[in-house]
Amino acid sequence: MPTVAALIGRKTVKTPADDAGMAKCDVIVSVDGKNVATTSDLNEAMFPYHPDERVTVRWIDQSGTSREADLKLIPGPPA
């Protein structure tokens, strides 16, 4: 598995990410073709997008398998 900091830290249920099979401890490696190597990279990659837009996310699951899904964004919790 790559050494990166864009680790999924908690399981969220009934979300597009959950429906796509993303799980706690999976690692996000790209968003719409932009490589993600750190949490800052992930924040930067997601910044231009808004709820109801779609993005393609690629991640490595806990077994080391590369997976990809087209996700419709939803509002997140308040910062």
Protein backbone atom coordinates (compact mmCIF):
# COMPACT_ATOMS: atom_id res chain seq x y z
CA MET A 1 0.00 0.00 0.00
CA PRO A 2 1.34 3.49 -0.79
CA THR A 3 2.67 5.65 2.02
CA VAL A 4 0.18 8.50 2.06
CA ALA A 5 -1.79 10.51 4.57
CA ALA A 6 -5.16 10.63 2.77
CA LEU A 7 -6.40 7.78 4.93
CA ILE A 8 -10.11 7.31 5.53
CA GLY A 9 -10.29 7.72 9.27
CA ARG A 10 -13.87 6.79 10.05
CA LYS A 11 -16.71 4.86 8.57
CA THR A 12 -19.70 6.86 7.40
CA VAL A 13 -22.92 5.07 6.62
CA LYS A 14 -25.52 5.88 4.01
CA THR A 15 -23.15 8.10 2.02
CA PRO A 16 -22.01 7.82 -1.62
CA ALA A 17 -18.55 6.77 -0.38
CA ASP A 18 -20.09 4.02 1.74
CA ASP A 19 -22.27 2.90 -1.18
CA ALA A 20 -19.13 2.71 -3.38
CA GLY A 21 -17.42 0.45 -0.85
CA MET A 22 -14.96 2.90 0.69
CA ALA A 23 -14.12 1.89 4.24
CA LYS A 24 -12.14 3.01 7.25
CA CYS A 25 -8.38 2.62 6.65
CA ASP A 26 -8.72 2.71 2.85
CA VAL A 27 -6.43 5.29 1.21
CA ILE A 28 -7.62 7.87 -1.33
CA VAL A 29 -5.00 8.24 -4.08
CA SER A 30 -6.71 10.48 -6.66
CA VAL A 31 -9.70 12.74 -7.26
CA ASP A 32 -10.73 13.39 -10.87
CA GLY A 33 -7.27 12.35 -12.04
CA LYS A 34 -5.38 14.57 -9.58
CA ASN A 35 -2.96 12.57 -7.45
CA VAL A 36 -3.53 12.73 -3.72
CA ALA A 37 -0.58 11.99 -1.44
CA THR A 38 -1.55 13.94 1.69
CA THR A 39 -4.63 15.24 3.44
CA SER A 40 -3.71 18.71 2.15
CA ASP A 41 -3.69 17.34 -1.41
CA LEU A 42 -7.14 15.87 -0.83
CA ASN A 43 -8.47 19.17 0.52
CA GLU A 44 -7.00 21.04 -2.45
CA ALA A 45 -8.43 18.53 -4.94
CA MET A 46 -11.90 18.77 -3.40
CA PHE A 47 -11.98 22.56 -2.91
CA PRO A 48 -13.48 23.46 -6.34
CA TYR A 49 -16.39 21.02 -5.98
CA HIS A 50 -19.80 21.50 -4.39
CA PRO A 51 -22.63 19.23 -3.23
CA ASP A 52 -24.50 17.52 -6.10
CA GLU A 53 -21.43 17.60 -8.37
CA ARG A 54 -19.76 14.33 -9.38
CA VAL A 55 -16.12 13.34 -8.97
CA THR A 56 -14.17 10.20 -9.77
CA VAL A 57 -12.30 8.92 -6.74
CA ARG A 58 -9.61 6.24 -6.82
CA TRP A 59 -8.55 4.54 -3.62
CA ILE A 60 -6.61 1.53 -2.36
CA ASP A 61 -8.61 -0.76 -0.12
CA GLN A 62 -7.24 -2.66 2.87
CA SER A 63 -6.40 -5.68 0.71
CA GLY A 64 -4.24 -3.50 -1.57
CA THR A 65 -6.71 -3.49 -4.46
CA SER A 66 -7.07 -0.27 -6.46
CA ARG A 67 -10.73 0.74 -6.76
CA GLU A 68 -12.48 3.64 -8.48
CA ALA A 69 -15.96 5.11 -8.34
CA ASP A 70 -17.87 8.10 -9.67
CA LEU A 71 -19.40 9.76 -6.60
CA LYS A 72 -22.10 12.39 -6.26
CA LEU A 73 -21.00 14.80 -3.55
CA ILE A 74 -23.20 15.52 -0.56
CA PRO A 75 -22.98 18.29 2.05
CA GLY A 76 -20.46 17.49 4.76
CA PRO A 77 -20.67 18.25 8.45
CA PRO A 78 -19.95 21.84 9.52
CA ALA A 79 -16.25 22.55 9.97
